[in-house]
Amino acid sequence: HAGPVKRPQKTANSFAPQEDVNVLM
């Protein structure tokens, strides 16, 4: 992104499930 990097808050819903990441990879 253009702009300052924001640190997202780690929440249970904020990360994609591992299965979606594997499919994407």
PDB file of all heavy atoms in Angstrom:
ATOM      1  N   HIS A   1       0.865  -1.184   0.000  1.00  0.00           N
ATOM      2  CA  HIS A   1       0.000   0.000   0.000  1.00  0.00           C
ATOM      3  C   HIS A   1       0.887   1.215   0.000  1.00  0.00           C
ATOM      4  O   HIS A   1       1.975   1.215   0.558  1.00  0.00           O
ATOM      5  CB  HIS A   1      -0.880   0.059   1.264  1.00  0.00           C
ATOM      6  CG  HIS A   1      -1.884  -1.050   1.312  1.00  0.00           C
ATOM      7  ND1 HIS A   1      -2.991  -1.083   0.531  1.00  0.00           N
ATOM      8  CD2 HIS A   1      -1.973  -2.167   2.108  1.00  0.00           C
ATOM      9  CE1 HIS A   1      -3.719  -2.148   0.818  1.00  0.00           C
ATOM     10  NE2 HIS A   1      -3.108  -2.833   1.777  1.00  0.00           N
ATOM     11  N   ALA A   2       0.366   2.283  -0.550  1.00  0.00           N
ATOM     12  CA  ALA A   2       1.095   3.522  -0.463  1.00  0.00           C
ATOM     13  C   ALA A   2       0.715   4.211   0.855  1.00  0.00           C
ATOM     14  O   ALA A   2      -0.448   4.391   1.121  1.00  0.00           O
ATOM     15  CB  ALA A   2       0.758   4.407  -1.645  1.00  0.00           C
ATOM     16  N   GLY A   3       1.633   4.546   1.614  1.00  0.00           N
ATOM     17  CA  GLY A   3       1.345   5.217   2.879  1.00  0.00           C
ATOM     18  C   GLY A   3       2.015   4.501   4.033  1.00  0.00           C
ATOM     19  O   GLY A   3       2.696   3.508   3.855  1.00  0.00           O
ATOM     20  N   PRO A   4       1.810   5.001   5.238  1.00  0.00           N
ATOM     21  CA  PRO A   4       2.446   4.375   6.383  1.00  0.00           C
ATOM     22  C   PRO A   4       1.865   2.997   6.638  1.00  0.00           C
ATOM     23  O   PRO A   4       0.707   2.745   6.387  1.00  0.00           O
ATOM     24  CB  PRO A   4       2.139   5.305   7.554  1.00  0.00           C
ATOM     25  CG  PRO A   4       1.032   6.166   7.097  1.00  0.00           C
ATOM     26  CD  PRO A   4       1.033   6.169   5.621  1.00  0.00           C
ATOM     27  N   VAL A   5       2.684   2.167   7.134  1.00  0.00           N
ATOM     28  CA  VAL A   5       2.290   0.797   7.386  1.00  0.00           C
ATOM     29  C   VAL A   5       1.553   0.767   8.735  1.00  0.00           C
ATOM     30  O   VAL A   5       2.056   1.231   9.753  1.00  0.00           O
ATOM     31  CB  VAL A   5       3.516  -0.126   7.418  1.00  0.00           C
ATOM     32  CG1 VAL A   5       3.093  -1.549   7.755  1.00  0.00           C
ATOM     33  CG2 VAL A   5       4.257  -0.050   6.122  1.00  0.00           C
ATOM     34  N   LYS A   6       0.369   0.227   8.736  1.00  0.00           N
ATOM     35  CA  LYS A   6      -0.406   0.091   9.954  1.00  0.00           C
ATOM     36  C   LYS A   6      -0.287  -1.325  10.425  1.00  0.00           C
ATOM     37  O   LYS A   6      -0.377  -2.239   9.616  1.00  0.00           O
ATOM     38  CB  LYS A   6      -1.877   0.413   9.697  1.00  0.00           C
ATOM     39  CG  LYS A   6      -2.126   1.830   9.350  1.00  0.00           C
ATOM     40  CD  LYS A   6      -3.615   2.022   9.160  1.00  0.00           C
ATOM     41  CE  LYS A   6      -3.901   3.406   8.667  1.00  0.00           C
ATOM     42  NZ  LYS A   6      -5.277   3.618   8.421  1.00  0.00           N
ATOM     43  N   ARG A   7      -0.149  -1.500  11.617  1.00  0.00           N
ATOM     44  CA  ARG A   7      -0.081  -2.834  12.185  1.00  0.00           C
ATOM     45  C   ARG A   7      -1.495  -3.264  12.493  1.00  0.00           C
ATOM     46  O   ARG A   7      -2.187  -2.672  13.287  1.00  0.00           O
ATOM     47  CB  ARG A   7       0.725  -2.851  13.450  1.00  0.00           C
ATOM     48  CG  ARG A   7       2.124  -2.356  13.243  1.00  0.00           C
ATOM     49  CD  ARG A   7       3.070  -3.444  13.694  1.00  0.00           C
ATOM     50  NE  ARG A   7       4.425  -2.979  13.466  1.00  0.00           N
ATOM     51  CZ  ARG A   7       5.263  -3.627  12.737  1.00  0.00           C
ATOM     52  NH1 ARG A   7       4.936  -4.724  12.174  1.00  0.00           N
ATOM     53  NH2 ARG A   7       6.471  -3.183  12.579  1.00  0.00           N
ATOM     54  N   PRO A   8      -1.919  -4.271  11.842  1.00  0.00           N
ATOM     55  CA  PRO A   8      -3.266  -4.737  12.143  1.00  0.00           C
ATOM     56  C   PRO A   8      -3.296  -5.390  13.518  1.00  0.00           C
ATOM     57  O   PRO A   8      -2.318  -5.968  13.954  1.00  0.00           O
ATOM     58  CB  PRO A   8      -3.556  -5.745  11.042  1.00  0.00           C
ATOM     59  CG  PRO A   8      -2.243  -6.116  10.468  1.00  0.00           C
ATOM     60  CD  PRO A   8      -1.292  -5.021  10.805  1.00  0.00           C
ATOM     61  N   GLN A   9      -4.417  -5.281  14.053  1.00  0.00           N
ATOM     62  CA  GLN A   9      -4.592  -5.919  15.346  1.00  0.00           C
ATOM     63  C   GLN A   9      -4.866  -7.370  15.105  1.00  0.00           C
ATOM     64  O   GLN A   9      -5.625  -7.719  14.207  1.00  0.00           O
ATOM     65  CB  GLN A   9      -5.765  -5.299  16.090  1.00  0.00           C
ATOM     66  CG  GLN A   9      -5.495  -3.875  16.450  1.00  0.00           C
ATOM     67  CD  GLN A   9      -6.700  -3.284  17.163  1.00  0.00           C
ATOM     68  OE1 GLN A   9      -7.742  -3.903  17.262  1.00  0.00           O
ATOM     69  NE2 GLN A   9      -6.535  -2.093  17.695  1.00  0.00           N
ATOM     70  N   LYS A  10      -4.270  -8.148  15.924  1.00  0.00           N
ATOM     71  CA  LYS A  10      -4.423  -9.579  15.743  1.00  0.00           C
ATOM     72  C   LYS A  10      -5.708  -9.976  16.421  1.00  0.00           C
ATOM     73  O   LYS A  10      -5.847  -9.897  17.620  1.00  0.00           O
ATOM     74  CB  LYS A  10      -3.256 -10.335  16.339  1.00  0.00           C
ATOM     75  CG  LYS A  10      -1.973 -10.061  15.596  1.00  0.00           C
ATOM     76  CD  LYS A  10      -0.894 -10.910  16.141  1.00  0.00           C
ATOM     77  CE  LYS A  10       0.396 -10.593  15.414  1.00  0.00           C
ATOM     78  NZ  LYS A  10       1.499 -11.356  15.851  1.00  0.00           N
ATOM     79  N   THR A  11      -6.579 -10.413  15.589  1.00  0.00           N
ATOM     80  CA  THR A  11      -7.830 -10.941  16.074  1.00  0.00           C
ATOM     81  C   THR A  11      -8.011 -12.295  15.481  1.00  0.00           C
ATOM     82  O   THR A  11      -7.336 -12.667  14.538  1.00  0.00           O
ATOM     83  CB  THR A  11      -9.032 -10.045  15.694  1.00  0.00           C
ATOM     84  OG1 THR A  11      -9.087  -9.988  14.298  1.00  0.00           O
ATOM     85  CG2 THR A  11      -8.929  -8.687  16.313  1.00  0.00           C
ATOM     86  N   ALA A  12      -8.964 -13.008  15.916  1.00  0.00           N
ATOM     87  CA  ALA A  12      -9.189 -14.379  15.441  1.00  0.00           C
ATOM     88  C   ALA A  12      -9.669 -14.380  14.005  1.00  0.00           C
ATOM     89  O   ALA A  12      -9.375 -15.296  13.257  1.00  0.00           O
ATOM     90  CB  ALA A  12     -10.195 -15.082  16.345  1.00  0.00           C
ATOM     91  N   ASN A  13     -10.338 -13.339  13.606  1.00  0.00           N
ATOM     92  CA  ASN A  13     -10.894 -13.300  12.240  1.00  0.00           C
ATOM     93  C   ASN A  13      -9.989 -12.542  11.284  1.00  0.00           C
ATOM     94  O   ASN A  13     -10.278 -12.446  10.116  1.00  0.00           O
ATOM     95  CB  ASN A  13     -12.258 -12.641  12.258  1.00  0.00           C
ATOM     96  CG  ASN A  13     -13.286 -13.499  12.946  1.00  0.00           C
ATOM     97  OD1 ASN A  13     -13.087 -14.717  13.017  1.00  0.00           O
ATOM     98  ND2 ASN A  13     -14.323 -12.893  13.468  1.00  0.00           N
ATOM     99  N   SER A  14      -8.918 -11.956  11.744  1.00  0.00           N
ATOM    100  CA  SER A  14      -8.128 -11.104  10.874  1.00  0.00           C
ATOM    101  C   SER A  14      -7.214 -11.882   9.928  1.00  0.00           C
ATOM    102  O   SER A  14      -6.825 -11.362   8.899  1.00  0.00           O
ATOM    103  CB  SER A  14      -7.305 -10.140  11.711  1.00  0.00           C
ATOM    104  OG  SER A  14      -6.379 -10.863  12.483  1.00  0.00           O
ATOM    105  N   PHE A  15      -6.837 -13.107  10.230  1.00  0.00           N
ATOM    106  CA  PHE A  15      -5.970 -13.885   9.331  1.00  0.00           C
ATOM    107  C   PHE A  15      -6.820 -14.820   8.492  1.00  0.00           C
ATOM    108  O   PHE A  15      -7.838 -15.309   8.958  1.00  0.00           O
ATOM    109  CB  PHE A  15      -4.961 -14.704  10.117  1.00  0.00           C
ATOM    110  CG  PHE A  15      -3.907 -13.845  10.753  1.00  0.00           C
ATOM    111  CD1 PHE A  15      -3.883 -13.691  12.128  1.00  0.00           C
ATOM    112  CD2 PHE A  15      -2.954 -13.215  10.000  1.00  0.00           C
ATOM    113  CE1 PHE A  15      -2.921 -12.917  12.728  1.00  0.00           C
ATOM    114  CE2 PHE A  15      -1.993 -12.446  10.616  1.00  0.00           C
ATOM    115  CZ  PHE A  15      -1.971 -12.286  11.969  1.00  0.00           C
ATOM    116  N   ALA A  16      -6.325 -15.042   7.297  1.00  0.00           N
ATOM    117  CA  ALA A  16      -7.035 -15.978   6.426  1.00  0.00           C
ATOM    118  C   ALA A  16      -6.765 -17.367   6.916  1.00  0.00           C
ATOM    119  O   ALA A  16      -5.700 -17.642   7.461  1.00  0.00           O
ATOM    120  CB  ALA A  16      -6.563 -15.824   4.993  1.00  0.00           C
ATOM    121  N   PRO A  17      -7.679 -18.240   6.750  1.00  0.00           N
ATOM    122  CA  PRO A  17      -7.431 -19.597   7.183  1.00  0.00           C
ATOM    123  C   PRO A  17      -6.264 -20.199   6.418  1.00  0.00           C
ATOM    124  O   PRO A  17      -5.974 -19.833   5.287  1.00  0.00           O
ATOM    125  CB  PRO A  17      -8.730 -20.333   6.876  1.00  0.00           C
ATOM    126  CG  PRO A  17      -9.657 -19.367   6.268  1.00  0.00           C
ATOM    127  CD  PRO A  17      -8.989 -18.051   6.206  1.00  0.00           C
ATOM    128  N   GLN A  18      -5.588 -21.096   7.004  1.00  0.00           N
ATOM    129  CA  GLN A  18      -4.410 -21.754   6.450  1.00  0.00           C
ATOM    130  C   GLN A  18      -4.752 -22.447   5.144  1.00  0.00           C
ATOM    131  O   GLN A  18      -3.942 -22.445   4.219  1.00  0.00           O
ATOM    132  CB  GLN A  18      -3.859 -22.765   7.466  1.00  0.00           C
ATOM    133  CG  GLN A  18      -2.562 -23.417   7.046  1.00  0.00           C
ATOM    134  CD  GLN A  18      -1.433 -22.433   6.974  1.00  0.00           C
ATOM    135  OE1 GLN A  18      -1.376 -21.458   7.739  1.00  0.00           O
ATOM    136  NE2 GLN A  18      -0.515 -22.633   6.065  1.00  0.00           N
ATOM    137  N   GLU A  19      -5.893 -22.971   5.057  1.00  0.00           N
ATOM    138  CA  GLU A  19      -6.304 -23.680   3.839  1.00  0.00           C
ATOM    139  C   GLU A  19      -6.389 -22.714   2.663  1.00  0.00           C
ATOM    140  O   GLU A  19      -5.925 -23.010   1.571  1.00  0.00           O
ATOM    141  CB  GLU A  19      -7.663 -24.341   4.083  1.00  0.00           C
ATOM    142  CG  GLU A  19      -8.065 -25.230   2.959  1.00  0.00           C
ATOM    143  CD  GLU A  19      -9.374 -25.925   3.278  1.00  0.00           C
ATOM    144  OE1 GLU A  19      -9.534 -26.485   4.374  1.00  0.00           O
ATOM    145  OE2 GLU A  19     -10.212 -25.886   2.379  1.00  0.00           O
ATOM    146  N   ASP A  20      -6.895 -21.498   2.889  1.00  0.00           N
ATOM    147  CA  ASP A  20      -6.985 -20.504   1.813  1.00  0.00           C
ATOM    148  C   ASP A  20      -5.586 -20.067   1.380  1.00  0.00           C
ATOM    149  O   ASP A  20      -5.307 -19.883   0.194  1.00  0.00           O
ATOM    150  CB  ASP A  20      -7.788 -19.285   2.286  1.00  0.00           C
ATOM    151  CG  ASP A  20      -9.269 -19.589   2.420  1.00  0.00           C
ATOM    152  OD1 ASP A  20      -9.693 -20.614   1.835  1.00  0.00           O
ATOM    153  OD2 ASP A  20      -9.976 -18.799   3.059  1.00  0.00           O
ATOM    154  N   VAL A  21      -4.683 -19.942   2.354  1.00  0.00           N
ATOM    155  CA  VAL A  21      -3.315 -19.554   2.039  1.00  0.00           C
ATOM    156  C   VAL A  21      -2.652 -20.653   1.217  1.00  0.00           C
ATOM    157  O   VAL A  21      -1.965 -20.378   0.231  1.00  0.00           O
ATOM    158  CB  VAL A  21      -2.526 -19.258   3.332  1.00  0.00           C
ATOM    159  CG1 VAL A  21      -1.048 -19.052   3.045  1.00  0.00           C
ATOM    160  CG2 VAL A  21      -3.101 -18.057   4.047  1.00  0.00           C
ATOM    161  N   ASN A  22      -2.875 -21.878   1.583  1.00  0.00           N
ATOM    162  CA  ASN A  22      -2.292 -23.001   0.832  1.00  0.00           C
ATOM    163  C   ASN A  22      -2.828 -23.046  -0.598  1.00  0.00           C
ATOM    164  O   ASN A  22      -2.077 -23.269  -1.560  1.00  0.00           O
ATOM    165  CB  ASN A  22      -2.567 -24.326   1.535  1.00  0.00           C
ATOM    166  CG  ASN A  22      -1.763 -24.493   2.786  1.00  0.00           C
ATOM    167  OD1 ASN A  22      -0.767 -23.800   2.976  1.00  0.00           O
ATOM    168  ND2 ASN A  22      -2.171 -25.403   3.664  1.00  0.00           N
ATOM    169  N   VAL A  23      -4.130 -22.826  -0.727  1.00  0.00           N
ATOM    170  CA  VAL A  23      -4.744 -22.812  -2.065  1.00  0.00           C
ATOM    171  C   VAL A  23      -4.151 -21.676  -2.884  1.00  0.00           C
ATOM    172  O   VAL A  23      -3.802 -21.832  -4.057  1.00  0.00           O
ATOM    173  CB  VAL A  23      -6.287 -22.703  -1.967  1.00  0.00           C
ATOM    174  CG1 VAL A  23      -6.889 -22.425  -3.328  1.00  0.00           C
ATOM    175  CG2 VAL A  23      -6.864 -23.968  -1.372  1.00  0.00           C
ATOM    176  N   LEU A  24      -4.010 -20.510  -2.230  1.00  0.00           N
ATOM    177  CA  LEU A  24      -3.435 -19.364  -2.941  1.00  0.00           C
ATOM    178  C   LEU A  24      -1.982 -19.637  -3.339  1.00  0.00           C
ATOM    179  O   LEU A  24      -1.568 -19.338  -4.449  1.00  0.00           O
ATOM    180  CB  LEU A  24      -3.480 -18.118  -2.056  1.00  0.00           C
ATOM    181  CG  LEU A  24      -4.755 -17.300  -2.158  1.00  0.00           C
ATOM    182  CD1 LEU A  24      -4.712 -16.158  -1.142  1.00  0.00           C
ATOM    183  CD2 LEU A  24      -4.930 -16.753  -3.525  1.00  0.00           C
ATOM    184  N   MET A  25      -1.214 -20.212  -2.433  1.00  0.00           N
ATOM    185  CA  MET A  25       0.180 -20.520  -2.735  1.00  0.00           C
ATOM    186  C   MET A  25       0.281 -21.566  -3.839  1.00  0.00           C
ATOM    187  O   MET A  25       1.127 -21.461  -4.727  1.00  0.00           O
ATOM    188  CB  MET A  25       0.900 -21.022  -1.467  1.00  0.00           C
ATOM    189  CG  MET A  25       1.166 -19.937  -0.448  1.00  0.00           C
ATOM    190  SD  MET A  25       2.095 -18.584  -1.108  1.00  0.00           S
ATOM    191  CE  MET A  25       3.693 -19.277  -1.242  1.00  0.00           C
TER     192      MET A  25
END
